[in-house]
Amino acid sequence: MKENREQSLTLAPYLALSRDLSALITPVSPDDQFRAQLYGSLLDHARRQQVQPMLLPLTDADPETGIPRRVARWVAHVPGQDRRWMWGAAAVGSAVSLAGLVTLVWHRRGNRAA
């Protein structure tokens, strides 16, 4: 209890200083011209940032994976919930490829027997 009194006594000058400073400081708002310029530059920067990955050439491949950088960046920006369809599409593509390979092998074996 005694410590709380000591802390409140030491905080009193700072609270008074805070009140005095808040009375001296007046709120300032930016000019309309500055707001318009800031808004325009933010929109311009956002458009450039959004278009930048699309401007990369499709042939520029990542050395580690061999996947074109444009495709890799697009996939990286897809939210987690939307990636399910990509996994499904990859599974379907693999199944179709495997089915085509099995069909080709059966077809060749059938031609040899005949």
N, C-alpha and C. Protein backbone atom coordinates (compact mmCIF):
# COMPACT_ATOMS: atom_id res chain seq x y z
N MET A 1 0.82 -1.19 0.00
CA MET A 1 0.00 0.00 0.00
C MET A 1 0.87 1.26 0.00
N LYS A 2 1.94 1.19 0.78
CA LYS A 2 2.85 2.33 0.86
C LYS A 2 3.55 2.57 -0.48
N GLU A 3 3.86 1.46 -1.22
CA GLU A 3 4.51 1.60 -2.52
C GLU A 3 3.61 2.30 -3.51
N ASN A 4 2.29 2.03 -3.49
CA ASN A 4 1.35 2.68 -4.40
C ASN A 4 1.33 4.19 -4.18
N ARG A 5 1.40 4.62 -2.90
CA ARG A 5 1.41 6.06 -2.62
C ARG A 5 2.68 6.70 -3.17
N GLU A 6 3.79 6.02 -3.01
CA GLU A 6 5.04 6.56 -3.53
C GLU A 6 5.01 6.66 -5.05
N GLN A 7 4.43 5.64 -5.70
CA GLN A 7 4.34 5.68 -7.16
C GLN A 7 3.41 6.79 -7.62
N SER A 8 2.28 6.97 -6.96
CA SER A 8 1.36 8.02 -7.37
C SER A 8 1.97 9.40 -7.12
N LEU A 9 2.77 9.52 -6.07
CA LEU A 9 3.42 10.80 -5.82
C LEU A 9 4.47 11.11 -6.87
N THR A 10 5.15 10.12 -7.37
CA THR A 10 6.17 10.38 -8.38
C THR A 10 5.55 10.57 -9.76
N LEU A 11 4.36 10.08 -9.96
CA LEU A 11 3.70 10.25 -11.26
C LEU A 11 3.00 11.59 -11.39
N ALA A 12 2.70 12.24 -10.32
CA ALA A 12 1.94 13.50 -10.35
C ALA A 12 2.60 14.56 -11.23
N PRO A 13 3.90 14.80 -11.14
CA PRO A 13 4.50 15.83 -12.01
C PRO A 13 4.39 15.48 -13.49
N TYR A 14 4.49 14.20 -13.79
CA TYR A 14 4.40 13.79 -15.20
C TYR A 14 2.98 13.95 -15.74
N LEU A 15 2.00 13.67 -14.90
CA LEU A 15 0.61 13.88 -15.31
C LEU A 15 0.34 15.36 -15.54
N ALA A 16 0.88 16.20 -14.68
CA ALA A 16 0.70 17.65 -14.86
C ALA A 16 1.38 18.11 -16.14
N LEU A 17 2.57 17.59 -16.40
CA LEU A 17 3.28 17.94 -17.62
C LEU A 17 2.49 17.48 -18.85
N SER A 18 1.91 16.32 -18.78
CA SER A 18 1.12 15.80 -19.88
C SER A 18 -0.09 16.70 -20.15
N ARG A 19 -0.77 17.15 -19.10
CA ARG A 19 -1.92 18.05 -19.27
C ARG A 19 -1.48 19.37 -19.89
N ASP A 20 -0.35 19.91 -19.41
CA ASP A 20 0.14 21.19 -19.94
C ASP A 20 0.51 21.07 -21.42
N LEU A 21 1.18 19.97 -21.79
CA LEU A 21 1.58 19.78 -23.19
C LEU A 21 0.38 19.56 -24.10
N SER A 22 -0.60 18.82 -23.63
CA SER A 22 -1.78 18.59 -24.47
C SER A 22 -2.56 19.88 -24.69
N ALA A 23 -2.48 20.83 -23.74
CA ALA A 23 -3.14 22.13 -23.92
C ALA A 23 -2.39 22.98 -24.94
N LEU A 24 -1.07 22.81 -25.03
CA LEU A 24 -0.26 23.60 -25.96
C LEU A 24 -0.31 23.09 -27.39
N ILE A 25 -0.41 21.79 -27.55
CA ILE A 25 -0.36 21.18 -28.88
C ILE A 25 -1.74 21.25 -29.54
N THR A 26 -1.74 21.74 -30.76
CA THR A 26 -3.00 21.81 -31.51
C THR A 26 -2.99 20.74 -32.60
N PRO A 27 -4.12 20.12 -32.84
CA PRO A 27 -4.17 19.10 -33.88
C PRO A 27 -3.95 19.72 -35.27
N VAL A 28 -3.24 18.99 -36.12
CA VAL A 28 -2.93 19.45 -37.47
C VAL A 28 -3.40 18.39 -38.45
N SER A 29 -3.99 18.83 -39.55
CA SER A 29 -4.39 17.89 -40.60
C SER A 29 -3.69 18.27 -41.89
N PRO A 30 -3.39 17.28 -42.75
CA PRO A 30 -2.68 17.57 -44.00
C PRO A 30 -3.55 18.32 -44.99
N ASP A 31 -2.88 19.02 -45.91
CA ASP A 31 -3.60 19.74 -46.97
C ASP A 31 -4.31 18.76 -47.89
N ASP A 32 -5.35 19.26 -48.56
CA ASP A 32 -6.07 18.41 -49.52
C ASP A 32 -5.17 18.01 -50.69
N GLN A 33 -4.28 18.92 -51.10
CA GLN A 33 -3.37 18.60 -52.20
C GLN A 33 -2.43 17.45 -51.80
N PHE A 34 -1.92 17.48 -50.58
CA PHE A 34 -1.05 16.41 -50.10
C PHE A 34 -1.81 15.09 -50.03
N ARG A 35 -3.04 15.13 -49.55
CA ARG A 35 -3.85 13.90 -49.47
C ARG A 35 -4.08 13.32 -50.86
N ALA A 36 -4.41 14.18 -51.83
CA ALA A 36 -4.65 13.70 -53.19
C ALA A 36 -3.38 13.11 -53.79
N GLN A 37 -2.25 13.77 -53.56
CA GLN A 37 -0.97 13.27 -54.08
C GLN A 37 -0.61 11.94 -53.43
N LEU A 38 -0.79 11.82 -52.13
CA LEU A 38 -0.50 10.58 -51.42
C LEU A 38 -1.40 9.46 -51.90
N TYR A 39 -2.69 9.75 -52.05
CA TYR A 39 -3.64 8.74 -52.54
C TYR A 39 -3.25 8.25 -53.93
N GLY A 40 -2.89 9.20 -54.81
CA GLY A 40 -2.50 8.82 -56.17
C GLY A 40 -1.22 7.99 -56.20
N SER A 41 -0.26 8.37 -55.37
CA SER A 41 1.00 7.62 -55.37
C SER A 41 0.82 6.23 -54.77
N LEU A 42 -0.04 6.10 -53.76
CA LEU A 42 -0.31 4.78 -53.17
C LEU A 42 -1.02 3.88 -54.18
N LEU A 43 -1.98 4.44 -54.91
CA LEU A 43 -2.66 3.64 -55.94
C LEU A 43 -1.70 3.22 -57.04
N ASP A 44 -0.84 4.14 -57.45
CA ASP A 44 0.14 3.82 -58.49
C ASP A 44 1.09 2.72 -58.02
N HIS A 45 1.55 2.83 -56.80
CA HIS A 45 2.46 1.81 -56.25
C HIS A 45 1.75 0.46 -56.15
N ALA A 46 0.50 0.46 -55.72
CA ALA A 46 -0.25 -0.80 -55.60
C ALA A 46 -0.45 -1.44 -56.97
N ARG A 47 -0.75 -0.63 -57.98
CA ARG A 47 -0.92 -1.19 -59.34
C ARG A 47 0.38 -1.79 -59.85
N ARG A 48 1.48 -1.06 -59.63
CA ARG A 48 2.78 -1.59 -60.08
C ARG A 48 3.12 -2.89 -59.37
N GLN A 49 2.85 -2.93 -58.08
CA GLN A 49 3.15 -4.12 -57.29
C GLN A 49 2.30 -5.31 -57.75
N GLN A 50 1.07 -5.04 -58.13
CA GLN A 50 0.18 -6.10 -58.58
C GLN A 50 0.56 -6.61 -59.97
N VAL A 51 1.02 -5.73 -60.83
CA VAL A 51 1.33 -6.09 -62.21
C VAL A 51 2.74 -6.66 -62.33
N GLN A 52 3.63 -6.33 -61.41
CA GLN A 52 5.04 -6.73 -61.51
C GLN A 52 5.23 -8.22 -61.75
N PRO A 53 4.60 -9.13 -60.99
CA PRO A 53 4.83 -10.56 -61.25
C PRO A 53 4.38 -10.98 -62.65
N MET A 54 3.37 -10.30 -63.22
CA MET A 54 2.88 -10.66 -64.54
C MET A 54 3.84 -10.22 -65.64
N LEU A 55 4.71 -9.24 -65.34
CA LEU A 55 5.63 -8.73 -66.34
C LEU A 55 6.87 -9.61 -66.51
N LEU A 56 7.09 -10.54 -65.59
CA LEU A 56 8.24 -11.43 -65.73
C LEU A 56 8.05 -12.34 -66.93
N PRO A 57 9.08 -12.58 -67.70
CA PRO A 57 8.92 -13.49 -68.84
C PRO A 57 8.63 -14.91 -68.35
N LEU A 58 7.79 -15.62 -69.08
CA LEU A 58 7.39 -16.96 -68.69
C LEU A 58 8.56 -17.93 -68.77
N THR A 59 9.57 -17.62 -69.56
CA THR A 59 10.70 -18.53 -69.72
C THR A 59 11.72 -18.41 -68.59
N ASP A 60 11.62 -17.36 -67.78
CA ASP A 60 12.55 -17.16 -66.67
C ASP A 60 12.21 -18.17 -65.58
N ALA A 61 12.95 -19.28 -65.52
CA ALA A 61 12.64 -20.36 -64.59
C ALA A 61 13.47 -20.26 -63.32
N ASP A 62 12.88 -20.73 -62.24
CA ASP A 62 13.59 -20.80 -60.97
C ASP A 62 14.63 -21.90 -61.08
N PRO A 63 15.90 -21.62 -60.74
CA PRO A 63 16.94 -22.64 -60.92
C PRO A 63 16.75 -23.88 -60.05
N GLU A 64 16.11 -23.75 -58.89
CA GLU A 64 15.94 -24.89 -58.00
C GLU A 64 14.85 -25.83 -58.48
N THR A 65 13.71 -25.27 -58.89
CA THR A 65 12.56 -26.11 -59.24
C THR A 65 12.35 -26.27 -60.74
N GLY A 66 12.82 -25.32 -61.53
CA GLY A 66 12.57 -25.36 -62.96
C GLY A 66 11.21 -24.79 -63.34
N ILE A 67 10.42 -24.38 -62.34
CA ILE A 67 9.10 -23.80 -62.59
C ILE A 67 9.29 -22.34 -62.98
N PRO A 68 8.58 -21.86 -63.98
CA PRO A 68 8.69 -20.43 -64.34
C PRO A 68 8.38 -19.56 -63.12
N ARG A 69 9.16 -18.50 -62.94
CA ARG A 69 8.99 -17.63 -61.77
C ARG A 69 7.60 -17.02 -61.71
N ARG A 70 7.04 -16.68 -62.86
CA ARG A 70 5.71 -16.08 -62.88
C ARG A 70 4.68 -17.03 -62.30
N VAL A 71 4.78 -18.30 -62.65
CA VAL A 71 3.84 -19.30 -62.14
C VAL A 71 4.08 -19.52 -60.64
N ALA A 72 5.34 -19.61 -60.23
CA ALA A 72 5.66 -19.85 -58.83
C ALA A 72 5.15 -18.71 -57.95
N ARG A 73 5.30 -17.47 -58.41
CA ARG A 73 4.82 -16.34 -57.62
C ARG A 73 3.30 -16.32 -57.57
N TRP A 74 2.65 -16.68 -58.66
CA TRP A 74 1.19 -16.71 -58.66
C TRP A 74 0.68 -17.75 -57.67
N VAL A 75 1.29 -18.93 -57.67
CA VAL A 75 0.87 -19.99 -56.75
C VAL A 75 1.15 -19.59 -55.31
N ALA A 76 2.25 -18.89 -55.07
CA ALA A 76 2.59 -18.49 -53.71
C ALA A 76 1.60 -17.47 -53.15
N HIS A 77 0.94 -16.72 -54.02
CA HIS A 77 -0.01 -15.71 -53.54
C HIS A 77 -1.43 -16.23 -53.41
N VAL A 78 -1.66 -17.49 -53.76
CA VAL A 78 -3.00 -18.06 -53.61
C VAL A 78 -3.22 -18.38 -52.14
N PRO A 79 -4.33 -17.90 -51.54
CA PRO A 79 -4.58 -18.20 -50.13
C PRO A 79 -4.71 -19.70 -49.89
N GLY A 80 -4.50 -20.11 -48.65
CA GLY A 80 -4.49 -21.53 -48.28
C GLY A 80 -5.74 -22.29 -48.66
N GLN A 81 -6.92 -21.69 -48.47
CA GLN A 81 -8.17 -22.38 -48.77
C GLN A 81 -8.32 -22.63 -50.28
N ASP A 82 -7.78 -21.73 -51.09
CA ASP A 82 -7.93 -21.86 -52.53
C ASP A 82 -6.92 -22.84 -53.13
N ARG A 83 -5.98 -23.33 -52.35
CA ARG A 83 -4.99 -24.27 -52.87
C ARG A 83 -5.54 -25.67 -53.00
N ARG A 84 -6.67 -25.94 -52.38
CA ARG A 84 -7.25 -27.29 -52.47
C ARG A 84 -7.54 -27.67 -53.92
N TRP A 85 -8.08 -26.73 -54.68
CA TRP A 85 -8.40 -27.06 -56.08
C TRP A 85 -7.13 -27.33 -56.87
N MET A 86 -6.02 -26.67 -56.49
CA MET A 86 -4.77 -26.95 -57.20
C MET A 86 -4.29 -28.37 -56.90
N TRP A 87 -4.40 -28.78 -55.63
CA TRP A 87 -4.01 -30.15 -55.29
C TRP A 87 -4.91 -31.15 -56.01
N GLY A 88 -6.20 -30.86 -56.09
CA GLY A 88 -7.13 -31.73 -56.81
C GLY A 88 -6.80 -31.80 -58.29
N ALA A 89 -6.50 -30.65 -58.89
CA ALA A 89 -6.16 -30.62 -60.31
C ALA A 89 -4.87 -31.39 -60.56
N ALA A 90 -3.91 -31.26 -59.65
CA ALA A 90 -2.66 -32.01 -59.81
C ALA A 90 -2.91 -33.51 -59.70
N ALA A 91 -3.78 -33.92 -58.77
CA ALA A 91 -4.09 -35.34 -58.62
C ALA A 91 -4.80 -35.88 -59.86
N VAL A 92 -5.75 -35.11 -60.39
CA VAL A 92 -6.47 -35.54 -61.60
C VAL A 92 -5.50 -35.63 -62.77
N GLY A 93 -4.63 -34.64 -62.91
CA GLY A 93 -3.65 -34.67 -64.00
C GLY A 93 -2.73 -35.87 -63.90
N SER A 94 -2.31 -36.20 -62.69
CA SER A 94 -1.45 -37.38 -62.51
C SER A 94 -2.19 -38.65 -62.84
N ALA A 95 -3.46 -38.74 -62.42
CA ALA A 95 -4.25 -39.94 -62.70
C ALA A 95 -4.47 -40.11 -64.20
N VAL A 96 -4.76 -39.02 -64.90
CA VAL A 96 -4.96 -39.09 -66.35
C VAL A 96 -3.66 -39.50 -67.04
N SER A 97 -2.55 -38.95 -66.59
CA SER A 97 -1.26 -39.31 -67.17
C SER A 97 -0.96 -40.79 -66.96
N LEU A 98 -1.20 -41.28 -65.76
CA LEU A 98 -0.97 -42.69 -65.45
C LEU A 98 -1.89 -43.58 -66.27
N ALA A 99 -3.16 -43.18 -66.41
CA ALA A 99 -4.10 -43.97 -67.21
C ALA A 99 -3.66 -44.00 -68.67
N GLY A 100 -3.17 -42.89 -69.18
CA GLY A 100 -2.69 -42.86 -70.56
C GLY A 100 -1.47 -43.76 -70.75
N LEU A 101 -0.59 -43.77 -69.78
CA LEU A 101 0.59 -44.63 -69.86
C LEU A 101 0.19 -46.11 -69.83
N VAL A 102 -0.74 -46.46 -68.94
CA VAL A 102 -1.21 -47.86 -68.86
C VAL A 102 -1.89 -48.25 -70.16
N THR A 103 -2.69 -47.37 -70.72
CA THR A 103 -3.37 -47.66 -71.99
C THR A 103 -2.36 -47.86 -73.11
N LEU A 104 -1.33 -47.06 -73.16
CA LEU A 104 -0.30 -47.18 -74.18
C LEU A 104 0.41 -48.53 -74.06
N VAL A 105 0.74 -48.93 -72.84
CA VAL A 105 1.41 -50.21 -72.63
C VAL A 105 0.51 -51.36 -73.06
N TRP A 106 -0.76 -51.32 -72.69
CA TRP A 106 -1.69 -52.39 -73.10
C TRP A 106 -1.84 -52.44 -74.62
N HIS A 107 -1.90 -51.27 -75.22
CA HIS A 107 -2.06 -51.20 -76.68
C HIS A 107 -0.85 -51.82 -77.38
N ARG A 108 0.34 -51.49 -76.92
CA ARG A 108 1.57 -52.05 -77.52
C ARG A 108 1.65 -53.56 -77.32
N ARG A 109 1.27 -54.03 -76.16
CA ARG A 109 1.28 -55.47 -75.90
C ARG A 109 0.26 -56.19 -76.77
N GLY A 110 -0.87 -55.54 -77.01
CA GLY A 110 -1.91 -56.12 -77.88
C GLY A 110 -1.44 -56.20 -79.32
N ASN A 111 -0.68 -55.20 -79.79
CA ASN A 111 -0.18 -55.22 -81.16
C ASN A 111 0.88 -56.30 -81.34
N ARG A 112 1.70 -56.55 -80.33
CA ARG A 112 2.73 -57.58 -80.41
C ARG A 112 2.11 -58.97 -80.47
N ALA A 113 1.02 -59.19 -79.73
CA ALA A 113 0.39 -60.50 -79.68
C ALA A 113 -0.30 -60.83 -81.01
N ALA A 114 -0.77 -59.82 -81.72
CA ALA A 114 -1.52 -60.05 -82.93
C ALA A 114 -0.69 -60.33 -84.12
